PDB file of N, CA and C in Angstrom:
ATOM      1  N   MET A   1      64.770  31.629 161.328  1.00  0.00           N
ATOM      2  CA  MET A   1      65.968  31.685 162.134  1.00  0.00           C
ATOM      3  C   MET A   1      67.154  31.036 161.400  1.00  0.00           C
ATOM      4  N   GLU A   2      66.864  29.980 160.660  1.00  0.00           N
ATOM      5  CA  GLU A   2      67.919  29.298 159.912  1.00  0.00           C
ATOM      6  C   GLU A   2      68.507  30.224 158.844  1.00  0.00           C
ATOM      7  N   PHE A   3      67.659  31.078 158.264  1.00  0.00           N
ATOM      8  CA  PHE A   3      68.104  32.029 157.257  1.00  0.00           C
ATOM      9  C   PHE A   3      69.138  32.993 157.830  1.00  0.00           C
ATOM     10  N   LEU A   4      68.892  33.508 159.046  1.00  0.00           N
ATOM     11  CA  LEU A   4      69.834  34.422 159.688  1.00  0.00           C
ATOM     12  C   LEU A   4      71.155  33.740 160.003  1.00  0.00           C
ATOM     13  N   THR A   5      71.096  32.490 160.404  1.00  0.00           N
ATOM     14  CA  THR A   5      72.324  31.740 160.676  1.00  0.00           C
ATOM     15  C   THR A   5      73.138  31.581 159.395  1.00  0.00           C
ATOM     16  N   HIS A   6      72.445  31.322 158.293  1.00  0.00           N
ATOM     17  CA  HIS A   6      73.121  31.188 157.002  1.00  0.00           C
ATOM     18  C   HIS A   6      73.773  32.505 156.591  1.00  0.00           C
ATOM     19  N   ILE A   7      73.064  33.605 156.773  1.00  0.00           N
ATOM     20  CA  ILE A   7      73.615  34.925 156.433  1.00  0.00           C
ATOM     21  C   ILE A   7      74.841  35.221 157.306  1.00  0.00           C
ATOM     22  N   GLU A   8      74.765  34.885 158.582  1.00  0.00           N
ATOM     23  CA  GLU A   8      75.901  35.100 159.478  1.00  0.00           C
ATOM     24  C   GLU A   8      77.109  34.266 159.036  1.00  0.00           C
ATOM     25  N   ASP A   9      76.875  33.042 158.622  1.00  0.00           N
ATOM     26  CA  ASP A   9      77.965  32.190 158.139  1.00  0.00           C
ATOM     27  C   ASP A   9      78.613  32.764 156.884  1.00  0.00           C
ATOM     28  N   VAL A  10      77.776  33.255 155.964  1.00  0.00           N
ATOM     29  CA  VAL A  10      78.292  33.858 154.737  1.00  0.00           C
ATOM     30  C   VAL A  10      79.086  35.121 155.067  1.00  0.00           C
ATOM     31  N   PHE A  11      78.569  35.946 155.958  1.00  0.00           N
ATOM     32  CA  PHE A  11      79.253  37.168 156.369  1.00  0.00           C
ATOM     33  C   PHE A  11      80.612  36.848 156.984  1.00  0.00           C
ATOM     34  N   GLN A  12      80.640  35.850 157.859  1.00  0.00           N
ATOM     35  CA  GLN A  12      81.890  35.458 158.501  1.00  0.00           C
ATOM     36  C   GLN A  12      82.897  34.957 157.466  1.00  0.00           C
ATOM     37  N   LEU A  13      82.435  34.217 156.487  1.00  0.00           N
ATOM     38  CA  LEU A  13      83.309  33.713 155.428  1.00  0.00           C
ATOM     39  C   LEU A  13      83.880  34.862 154.595  1.00  0.00           C
ATOM     40  N   VAL A  14      83.030  35.832 154.246  1.00  0.00           N
ATOM     41  CA  VAL A  14      83.483  36.987 153.470  1.00  0.00           C
ATOM     42  C   VAL A  14      84.537  37.772 154.251  1.00  0.00           C
ATOM     43  N   VAL A  15      84.301  37.983 155.543  1.00  0.00           N
ATOM     44  CA  VAL A  15      85.258  38.711 156.371  1.00  0.00           C
ATOM     45  C   VAL A  15      86.568  37.938 156.469  1.00  0.00           C
ATOM     46  N   GLN A  16      86.514  36.623 156.644  1.00  0.00           N
ATOM     47  CA  GLN A  16      87.737  35.826 156.736  1.00  0.00           C
ATOM     48  C   GLN A  16      88.546  35.882 155.448  1.00  0.00           C
ATOM     49  N   TYR A  17      87.861  35.840 154.296  1.00  0.00           N
ATOM     50  CA  TYR A  17      88.579  35.980 153.030  1.00  0.00           C
ATOM     51  C   TYR A  17      89.149  37.393 152.869  1.00  0.00           C
ATOM     52  N   GLY A  18      88.423  38.391 153.348  1.00  0.00           N
ATOM     53  CA  GLY A  18      88.940  39.760 153.318  1.00  0.00           C
ATOM     54  C   GLY A  18      90.193  39.901 154.163  1.00  0.00           C
ATOM     55  N   ILE A  19      90.194  39.288 155.347  1.00  0.00           N
ATOM     56  CA  ILE A  19      91.369  39.305 156.217  1.00  0.00           C
ATOM     57  C   ILE A  19      92.543  38.627 155.514  1.00  0.00           C
ATOM     58  N   LEU A  20      92.286  37.475 154.933  1.00  0.00           N
ATOM     59  CA  LEU A  20      93.339  36.745 154.230  1.00  0.00           C
ATOM     60  C   LEU A  20      93.909  37.565 153.077  1.00  0.00           C
ATOM     61  N   LEU A  21      93.035  38.238 152.331  1.00  0.00           N
ATOM     62  CA  LEU A  21      93.482  39.080 151.223  1.00  0.00           C
ATOM     63  C   LEU A  21      94.358  40.221 151.717  1.00  0.00           C
ATOM     64  N   MET A  22      93.907  40.914 152.765  1.00  0.00           N
ATOM     65  CA  MET A  22      94.679  42.033 153.309  1.00  0.00           C
ATOM     66  C   MET A  22      96.050  41.568 153.816  1.00  0.00           C
ATOM     67  N   GLU A  23      96.075  40.433 154.519  1.00  0.00           N
ATOM     68  CA  GLU A  23      97.332  39.898 155.038  1.00  0.00           C
ATOM     69  C   GLU A  23      98.271  39.518 153.896  1.00  0.00           C
ATOM     70  N   CYS A  24      97.732  38.868 152.865  1.00  0.00           N
ATOM     71  CA  CYS A  24      98.567  38.457 151.729  1.00  0.00           C
ATOM     72  C   CYS A  24      99.139  39.663 150.983  1.00  0.00           C
ATOM     73  N   VAL A  25      98.324  40.678 150.793  1.00  0.00           N
ATOM     74  CA  VAL A  25      98.806  41.888 150.118  1.00  0.00           C
ATOM     75  C   VAL A  25      99.919  42.537 150.951  1.00  0.00           C
ATOM     76  N   GLY A  26      99.733  42.604 152.272  1.00  0.00           N
ATOM     77  CA  GLY A  26     100.759  43.176 153.135  1.00  0.00           C
ATOM     78  C   GLY A  26     102.073  42.419 153.065  1.00  0.00           C
ATOM     79  N   VAL A  27     102.000  41.103 153.102  1.00  0.00           N
ATOM     80  CA  VAL A  27     103.216  40.284 153.023  1.00  0.00           C
ATOM     81  C   VAL A  27     103.873  40.427 151.654  1.00  0.00           C
ATOM     82  N   THR A  28     103.072  40.440 150.593  1.00  0.00           N
ATOM     83  CA  THR A  28     103.613  40.591 149.241  1.00  0.00           C
ATOM     84  C   THR A  28     104.340  41.922 149.089  1.00  0.00           C
ATOM     85  N   ILE A  29     103.742  42.981 149.580  1.00  0.00           N
ATOM     86  CA  ILE A  29     104.380  44.305 149.510  1.00  0.00           C
ATOM     87  C   ILE A  29     105.689  44.294 150.285  1.00  0.00           C
ATOM     88  N   LEU A  30     105.687  43.698 151.460  1.00  0.00           N
ATOM     89  CA  LEU A  30     106.898  43.656 152.277  1.00  0.00           C
ATOM     90  C   LEU A  30     108.008  42.867 151.584  1.00  0.00           C
ATOM     91  N   LEU A  31     107.677  41.722 151.012  1.00  0.00           N
ATOM     92  CA  LEU A  31     108.691  40.919 150.314  1.00  0.00           C
ATOM     93  C   LEU A  31     109.224  41.650 149.082  1.00  0.00           C
ATOM     94  N   PHE A  32     108.338  42.265 148.304  1.00  0.00           N
ATOM     95  CA  PHE A  32     108.761  43.017 147.122  1.00  0.00           C
ATOM     96  C   PHE A  32     109.677  44.175 147.517  1.00  0.00           C
ATOM     97  N   THR A  33     109.299  44.875 148.585  1.00  0.00           N
ATOM     98  CA  THR A  33     110.104  46.002 149.052  1.00  0.00           C
ATOM     99  C   THR A  33     111.472  45.537 149.543  1.00  0.00           C
ATOM    100  N   ALA A  34     111.502  44.404 150.228  1.00  0.00           N
ATOM    101  CA  ALA A  34     112.786  43.871 150.707  1.00  0.00           C
ATOM    102  C   ALA A  34     113.696  43.538 149.531  1.00  0.00           C
ATOM    103  N   LEU A  35     113.159  42.872 148.518  1.00  0.00           N
ATOM    104  CA  LEU A  35     113.969  42.546 147.342  1.00  0.00           C
ATOM    105  C   LEU A  35     114.446  43.806 146.622  1.00  0.00           C
ATOM    106  N   LYS A  36     113.561  44.773 146.498  1.00  0.00           N
ATOM    107  CA  LYS A  36     113.915  46.041 145.852  1.00  0.00           C
ATOM    108  C   LYS A  36     115.007  46.769 146.647  1.00  0.00           C
ATOM    109  N   SER A  37     114.922  46.692 147.967  1.00  0.00           N
ATOM    110  CA  SER A  37     115.919  47.345 148.810  1.00  0.00           C
ATOM    111  C   SER A  37     117.267  46.626 148.746  1.00  0.00           C
ATOM    112  N   ILE A  38     117.224  45.299 148.680  1.00  0.00           N
ATOM    113  CA  ILE A  38     118.481  44.546 148.527  1.00  0.00           C
ATOM    114  C   ILE A  38     119.146  44.927 147.212  1.00  0.00           C
ATOM    115  N   TRP A  39     118.348  45.042 146.163  1.00  0.00           N
ATOM    116  CA  TRP A  39     118.894  45.473 144.880  1.00  0.00           C
ATOM    117  C   TRP A  39     119.435  46.905 144.987  1.00  0.00           C
ATOM    118  N   GLY A  40     118.754  47.750 145.724  1.00  0.00           N
ATOM    119  CA  GLY A  40     119.222  49.120 145.924  1.00  0.00           C
ATOM    120  C   GLY A  40     120.550  49.173 146.667  1.00  0.00           C
ATOM    121  N   ILE A  41     120.747  48.263 147.615  1.00  0.00           N
ATOM    122  CA  ILE A  41     122.026  48.202 148.326  1.00  0.00           C
ATOM    123  C   ILE A  41     123.129  47.763 147.372  1.00  0.00           C
ATOM    124  N   ILE A  42     122.824  46.767 146.549  1.00  0.00           N
ATOM    125  CA  ILE A  42     123.826  46.267 145.597  1.00  0.00           C
ATOM    126  C   ILE A  42     124.222  47.355 144.602  1.00  0.00           C
ATOM    127  N   THR A  43     123.244  48.123 144.125  1.00  0.00           N
ATOM    128  CA  THR A  43     123.525  49.181 143.147  1.00  0.00           C
ATOM    129  C   THR A  43     123.877  50.509 143.804  1.00  0.00           C
ATOM    130  N   ARG A  44     123.966  50.498 145.132  1.00  0.00           N
ATOM    131  CA  ARG A  44     124.341  51.696 145.920  1.00  0.00           C
ATOM    132  C   ARG A  44     123.396  52.876 145.688  1.00  0.00           C
ATOM    133  N   ASP A  45     122.111  52.586 145.713  1.00  0.00           N
ATOM    134  CA  ASP A  45     121.084  53.620 145.591  1.00  0.00           C
ATOM    135  C   ASP A  45     121.040  54.414 146.892  1.00  0.00           C
ATOM    136  N   SER A  46     121.097  55.722 146.795  1.00  0.00           N
ATOM    137  CA  SER A  46     121.115  56.558 148.007  1.00  0.00           C
ATOM    138  C   SER A  46     119.740  56.659 148.672  1.00  0.00           C
ATOM    139  N   HIS A  47     118.694  56.249 147.985  1.00  0.00           N
ATOM    140  CA  HIS A  47     117.336  56.346 148.521  1.00  0.00           C
ATOM    141  C   HIS A  47     116.811  55.015 149.054  1.00  0.00           C
ATOM    142  N   VAL A  48     117.697  54.058 149.292  1.00  0.00           N
ATOM    143  CA  VAL A  48     117.251  52.727 149.674  1.00  0.00           C
ATOM    144  C   VAL A  48     116.540  52.731 151.030  1.00  0.00           C
ATOM    145  N   ARG A  49     116.996  53.533 151.970  1.00  0.00           N
ATOM    146  CA  ARG A  49     116.333  53.602 153.284  1.00  0.00           C
ATOM    147  C   ARG A  49     114.917  54.139 153.159  1.00  0.00           C
ATOM    148  N   LEU A  50     114.762  55.156 152.342  1.00  0.00           N
ATOM    149  CA  LEU A  50     113.446  55.758 152.130  1.00  0.00           C
ATOM    150  C   LEU A  50     112.504  54.766 151.437  1.00  0.00           C
ATOM    151  N   THR A  51     113.002  54.075 150.452  1.00  0.00           N
ATOM    152  CA  THR A  51     112.205  53.064 149.743  1.00  0.00           C
ATOM    153  C   THR A  51     111.758  51.967 150.700  1.00  0.00           C
ATOM    154  N   LEU A  52     112.678  51.486 151.517  1.00  0.00           N
ATOM    155  CA  LEU A  52     112.357  50.432 152.466  1.00  0.00           C
ATOM    156  C   LEU A  52     111.334  50.909 153.499  1.00  0.00           C
ATOM    157  N   ALA A  53     111.519  52.106 154.016  1.00  0.00           N
ATOM    158  CA  ALA A  53     110.595  52.641 155.026  1.00  0.00           C
ATOM    159  C   ALA A  53     109.184  52.806 154.449  1.00  0.00           C
ATOM    160  N   LYS A  54     109.100  53.302 153.225  1.00  0.00           N
ATOM    161  CA  LYS A  54     107.782  53.475 152.599  1.00  0.00           C
ATOM    162  C   LYS A  54     107.103  52.128 152.351  1.00  0.00           C
ATOM    163  N   GLY A  55     107.866  51.145 151.927  1.00  0.00           N
ATOM    164  CA  GLY A  55     107.302  49.818 151.700  1.00  0.00           C
ATOM    165  C   GLY A  55     106.819  49.177 152.987  1.00  0.00           C
ATOM    166  N   ILE A  56     107.606  49.309 154.049  1.00  0.00           N
ATOM    167  CA  ILE A  56     107.200  48.754 155.343  1.00  0.00           C
ATOM    168  C   ILE A  56     105.941  49.445 155.843  1.00  0.00           C
ATOM    169  N   ALA A  57     105.883  50.761 155.683  1.00  0.00           N
ATOM    170  CA  ALA A  57     104.699  51.507 156.131  1.00  0.00           C
ATOM    171  C   ALA A  57     103.446  51.054 155.371  1.00  0.00           C
ATOM    172  N   LEU A  58     103.570  50.887 154.061  1.00  0.00           N
ATOM    173  CA  LEU A  58     102.418  50.444 153.271  1.00  0.00           C
ATOM    174  C   LEU A  58     102.009  49.027 153.657  1.00  0.00           C
ATOM    175  N   SER A  59     102.981  48.175 153.870  1.00  0.00           N
ATOM    176  CA  SER A  59     102.699  46.803 154.292  1.00  0.00           C
ATOM    177  C   SER A  59     101.977  46.786 155.633  1.00  0.00           C
ATOM    178  N   LEU A  60     102.443  47.600 156.566  1.00  0.00           N
ATOM    179  CA  LEU A  60     101.792  47.672 157.873  1.00  0.00           C
ATOM    180  C   LEU A  60     100.361  48.179 157.774  1.00  0.00           C
ATOM    181  N   GLU A  61     100.103  49.078 156.844  1.00  0.00           N
ATOM    182  CA  GLU A  61      98.743  49.585 156.663  1.00  0.00           C
ATOM    183  C   GLU A  61      97.802  48.453 156.250  1.00  0.00           C
ATOM    184  N   PHE A  62      98.253  47.601 155.339  1.00  0.00           N
ATOM    185  CA  PHE A  62      97.416  46.471 154.930  1.00  0.00           C
ATOM    186  C   PHE A  62      97.233  45.477 156.070  1.00  0.00           C
ATOM    187  N   LYS A  63      98.313  45.209 156.816  1.00  0.00           N
ATOM    188  CA  LYS A  63      98.215  44.292 157.947  1.00  0.00           C
ATOM    189  C   LYS A  63      97.275  44.864 159.006  1.00  0.00           C
ATOM    190  N   LEU A  64      97.329  46.168 159.219  1.00  0.00           N
ATOM    191  CA  LEU A  64      96.442  46.828 160.167  1.00  0.00           C
ATOM    192  C   LEU A  64      94.990  46.735 159.696  1.00  0.00           C
ATOM    193  N   GLY A  65      94.778  46.875 158.398  1.00  0.00           N
ATOM    194  CA  GLY A  65      93.434  46.717 157.846  1.00  0.00           C
ATOM    195  C   GLY A  65      92.880  45.319 158.094  1.00  0.00           C
ATOM    196  N   GLY A  66      93.745  44.318 157.982  1.00  0.00           N
ATOM    197  CA  GLY A  66      93.332  42.951 158.280  1.00  0.00           C
ATOM    198  C   GLY A  66      92.939  42.775 159.735  1.00  0.00           C
ATOM    199  N   GLU A  67      93.680  43.413 160.623  1.00  0.00           N
ATOM    200  CA  GLU A  67      93.354  43.322 162.055  1.00  0.00           C
ATOM    201  C   GLU A  67      92.035  44.017 162.368  1.00  0.00           C
ATOM    202  N   VAL A  68      91.790  45.139 161.722  1.00  0.00           N
ATOM    203  CA  VAL A  68      90.522  45.842 161.936  1.00  0.00           C
ATOM    204  C   VAL A  68      89.360  44.973 161.447  1.00  0.00           C
ATOM    205  N   LEU A  69      89.533  44.332 160.296  1.00  0.00           N
ATOM    206  CA  LEU A  69      88.495  43.408 159.820  1.00  0.00           C
ATOM    207  C   LEU A  69      88.286  42.259 160.800  1.00  0.00           C
ATOM    208  N   ARG A  70      89.357  41.799 161.404  1.00  0.00           N
ATOM    209  CA  ARG A  70      89.273  40.682 162.341  1.00  0.00           C
ATOM    210  C   ARG A  70      88.412  41.034 163.556  1.00  0.00           C
ATOM    211  N   THR A  71      88.366  42.325 163.912  1.00  0.00           N
ATOM    212  CA  THR A  71      87.554  42.725 165.071  1.00  0.00           C
ATOM    213  C   THR A  71      86.064  42.499 164.825  1.00  0.00           C
ATOM    214  N   VAL A  72      85.661  42.415 163.556  1.00  0.00           N
ATOM    215  CA  VAL A  72      84.252  42.218 163.220  1.00  0.00           C
ATOM    216  C   VAL A  72      83.761  40.836 163.659  1.00  0.00           C
ATOM    217  N   ILE A  73      84.628  39.840 163.610  1.00  0.00           N
ATOM    218  CA  ILE A  73      84.197  38.471 163.890  1.00  0.00           C
ATOM    219  C   ILE A  73      84.637  37.960 165.258  1.00  0.00           C
ATOM    220  N   VAL A  74      85.214  38.836 166.077  1.00  0.00           N
ATOM    221  CA  VAL A  74      85.643  38.430 167.420  1.00  0.00           C
ATOM    222  C   VAL A  74      84.423  38.183 168.297  1.00  0.00           C
ATOM    223  N   ARG A  75      84.478  37.143 169.083  1.00  0.00           N
ATOM    224  CA  ARG A  75      83.326  36.782 169.911  1.00  0.00           C
ATOM    225  C   ARG A  75      83.598  36.899 171.409  1.00  0.00           C
ATOM    226  N   GLU A  76      84.862  37.002 171.815  1.00  0.00           N
ATOM    227  CA  GLU A  76      85.185  37.056 173.246  1.00  0.00           C
ATOM    228  C   GLU A  76      86.009  38.295 173.554  1.00  0.00           C
ATOM    229  N   TRP A  77      85.879  38.771 174.792  1.00  0.00           N
ATOM    230  CA  TRP A  77      86.604  39.960 175.219  1.00  0.00           C
ATOM    231  C   TRP A  77      88.112  39.751 175.218  1.00  0.00           C
ATOM    232  N   SER A  78      88.556  38.548 175.563  1.00  0.00           N
ATOM    233  CA  SER A  78      89.998  38.289 175.592  1.00  0.00           C
ATOM    234  C   SER A  78      90.599  38.404 174.186  1.00  0.00           C
ATOM    235  N   GLU A  79      89.881  37.905 173.182  1.00  0.00           N
ATOM    236  CA  GLU A  79      90.339  38.036 171.799  1.00  0.00           C
ATOM    237  C   GLU A  79      90.379  39.503 171.377  1.00  0.00           C
ATOM    238  N   LEU A  80      89.366  40.256 171.799  1.00  0.00           N
ATOM    239  CA  LEU A  80      89.311  41.677 171.464  1.00  0.00           C
ATOM    240  C   LEU A  80      90.464  42.433 172.111  1.00  0.00           C
ATOM    241  N   ALA A  81      90.823  42.072 173.328  1.00  0.00           N
ATOM    242  CA  ALA A  81      91.945  42.723 174.005  1.00  0.00           C
ATOM    243  C   ALA A  81      93.252  42.444 173.279  1.00  0.00           C
ATOM    244  N   ILE A  82      93.439  41.210 172.833  1.00  0.00           N
ATOM    245  CA  ILE A  82      94.650  40.866 172.083  1.00  0.00           C
ATOM    246  C   ILE A  82      94.699  41.624 170.764  1.00  0.00           C
ATOM    247  N   LEU A  83      93.569  41.661 170.055  1.00  0.00           N
ATOM    248  CA  LEU A  83      93.511  42.399 168.793  1.00  0.00           C
ATOM    249  C   LEU A  83      93.754  43.890 169.011  1.00  0.00           C
ATOM    250  N   GLY A  84      93.207  44.420 170.096  1.00  0.00           N
ATOM    251  CA  GLY A  84      93.435  45.834 170.415  1.00  0.00           C
ATOM    252  C   GLY A  84      94.906  46.124 170.640  1.00  0.00           C
ATOM    253  N   ALA A  85      95.580  45.240 171.352  1.00  0.00           N
ATOM    254  CA  ALA A  85      97.020  45.416 171.596  1.00  0.00           C
ATOM    255  C   ALA A  85      97.801  45.345 170.289  1.00  0.00           C
ATOM    256  N   ILE A  86      97.432  44.422 169.413  1.00  0.00           N
ATOM    257  CA  ILE A  86      98.111  44.305 168.117  1.00  0.00           C
ATOM    258  C   ILE A  86      97.893  45.561 167.286  1.00  0.00           C
ATOM    259  N   ILE A  87      96.666  46.060 167.286  1.00  0.00           N
ATOM    260  CA  ILE A  87      96.359  47.275 166.524  1.00  0.00           C
ATOM    261  C   ILE A  87      97.151  48.464 167.062  1.00  0.00           C
ATOM    262  N   VAL A  88      97.239  48.584 168.381  1.00  0.00           N
ATOM    263  CA  VAL A  88      97.999  49.690 168.977  1.00  0.00           C
ATOM    264  C   VAL A  88      99.477  49.579 168.610  1.00  0.00           C
ATOM    265  N   LEU A  89     100.040  48.383 168.701  1.00  0.00           N
ATOM    266  CA  LEU A  89     101.457  48.198 168.361  1.00  0.00           C
ATOM    267  C   LEU A  89     101.732  48.493 166.890  1.00  0.00           C
ATOM    268  N   ARG A  90     100.875  47.993 166.019  1.00  0.00           N
ATOM    269  CA  ARG A  90     101.080  48.251 164.590  1.00  0.00           C
ATOM    270  C   ARG A  90     100.868  49.728 164.265  1.00  0.00           C
ATOM    271  N   GLY A  91      99.923  50.356 164.941  1.00  0.00           N
ATOM    272  CA  GLY A  91      99.725  51.791 164.750  1.00  0.00           C
ATOM    273  C   GLY A  91     100.936  52.584 165.188  1.00  0.00           C
ATOM    274  N   ALA A  92     101.528  52.198 166.321  1.00  0.00           N
ATOM    275  CA  ALA A  92     102.736  52.876 166.807  1.00  0.00           C
ATOM    276  C   ALA A  92     103.889  52.676 165.832  1.00  0.00           C
ATOM    277  N   LEU A  93     104.039  51.461 165.324  1.00  0.00           N
ATOM    278  CA  LEU A  93     105.095  51.202 164.341  1.00  0.00           C
ATOM    279  C   LEU A  93     104.892  52.041 163.087  1.00  0.00           C
ATOM    280  N   THR A  94     103.662  52.119 162.629  1.00  0.00           N
ATOM    281  CA  THR A  94     103.361  52.928 161.442  1.00  0.00           C
ATOM    282  C   THR A  94     103.699  54.391 161.695  1.00  0.00           C
ATOM    283  N   PHE A  95     103.337  54.888 162.874  1.00  0.00           N
ATOM    284  CA  PHE A  95     103.655  56.279 163.225  1.00  0.00           C
ATOM    285  C   PHE A  95     105.164  56.507 163.217  1.00  0.00           C
ATOM    286  N   LEU A  96     105.916  55.607 163.825  1.00  0.00           N
ATOM    287  CA  LEU A  96     107.374  55.759 163.871  1.00  0.00           C
ATOM    288  C   LEU A  96     107.993  55.685 162.478  1.00  0.00           C
ATOM    289  N   ILE A  97     107.485  54.804 161.644  1.00  0.00           N
ATOM    290  CA  ILE A  97     108.031  54.694 160.294  1.00  0.00           C
ATOM    291  C   ILE A  97     107.712  55.941 159.479  1.00  0.00           C
ATOM    292  N   HIS A  98     106.506  56.490 159.632  1.00  0.00           N
ATOM    293  CA  HIS A  98     106.177  57.735 158.930  1.00  0.00           C
ATOM    294  C   HIS A  98     107.061  58.887 159.412  1.00  0.00           C
ATOM    295  N   TRP A  99     107.376  58.900 160.694  1.00  0.00           N
ATOM    296  CA  TRP A  99     108.291  59.916 161.218  1.00  0.00           C
ATOM    297  C   TRP A  99     109.676  59.743 160.595  1.00  0.00           C
ATOM    298  N   GLU A 100     110.131  58.504 160.474  1.00  0.00           N
ATOM    299  CA  GLU A 100     111.430  58.244 159.859  1.00  0.00           C
ATOM    300  C   GLU A 100     111.430  58.639 158.387  1.00  0.00           C
ATOM    301  N   ILE A 101     110.314  58.396 157.698  1.00  0.00           N
ATOM    302  CA  ILE A 101     110.211  58.786 156.287  1.00  0.00           C
ATOM    303  C   ILE A 101     110.343  60.302 156.151  1.00  0.00           C
ATOM    304  N   LYS A 102     109.638  61.052 156.997  1.00  0.00           N
ATOM    305  CA  LYS A 102     109.738  62.514 156.939  1.00  0.00           C
ATOM    306  C   LYS A 102     111.151  62.982 157.227  1.00  0.00           C
ATOM    307  N   THR A 103     111.794  62.363 158.200  1.00  0.00           N
ATOM    308  CA  THR A 103     113.160  62.728 158.550  1.00  0.00           C
ATOM    309  C   THR A 103     114.120  62.430 157.393  1.00  0.00           C
ATOM    310  N   GLU A 104     113.949  61.265 156.779  1.00  0.00           N
ATOM    311  CA  GLU A 104     114.809  60.874 155.653  1.00  0.00           C
ATOM    312  C   GLU A 104     114.581  61.776 154.457  1.00  0.00           C
ATOM    313  N   GLU A 105     113.326  62.117 154.169  1.00  0.00           N
ATOM    314  CA  GLU A 105     113.039  63.010 153.045  1.00  0.00           C
ATOM    315  C   GLU A 105     113.621  64.392 153.290  1.00  0.00           C
ATOM    316  N   ALA A 106     113.562  64.865 154.541  1.00  0.00           N
ATOM    317  CA  ALA A 106     114.138  66.183 154.850  1.00  0.00           C
ATOM    318  C   ALA A 106     115.652  66.179 154.694  1.00  0.00           C
ATOM    319  N   SER A 107     116.282  65.071 155.045  1.00  0.00           N
ATOM    320  CA  SER A 107     117.746  65.017 154.937  1.00  0.00           C
ATOM    321  C   SER A 107     118.210  64.904 153.489  1.00  0.00           C
ATOM    322  N   LEU A 108     117.341  64.416 152.603  1.00  0.00           N
ATOM    323  CA  LEU A 108     117.708  64.294 151.195  1.00  0.00           C
ATOM    324  C   LEU A 108     117.551  65.604 150.431  1.00  0.00           C
ATOM    325  N   LYS A 109     116.833  66.541 151.016  1.00  0.00           N
ATOM    326  CA  LYS A 109     116.608  67.834 150.316  1.00  0.00           C
ATOM    327  C   LYS A 109     117.793  68.735 150.441  1.00  0.00           C
TER     328      LYS A 109
END
C-alpha cells in the first residue's frame, strides 16, 4: 500500500510541474507577443493586430492545457466546478480570438 501512495505522490508532482511548465510557456508567449506588438506599433506595422491576436490565442492554448492538466489532480467537486468554469471561459476567449484572426486575415486580403 505504501508503494501505491509513493506512486501517487510522484504522479501528482509530475502533473504539478507540467502545469507550471504550461503556465510559464503561456505567460512567456504572451509577454513576447506584447513586446513584439509594441514594437509593431512603433514601426507602424499594418499586421500588428493580427500578430497580437495570434500570440494571445497561442498563449491561451497553453494556459488551457495547464487547466486541463489541473483537472487530473482535483479532489473535490467544488474545485472541479471552478476549473470547468475557467476552461469554458478560456475556450470562449480562444474561439473569439480565432474569429477575430479570420476576420483580420480576410480584411488584409
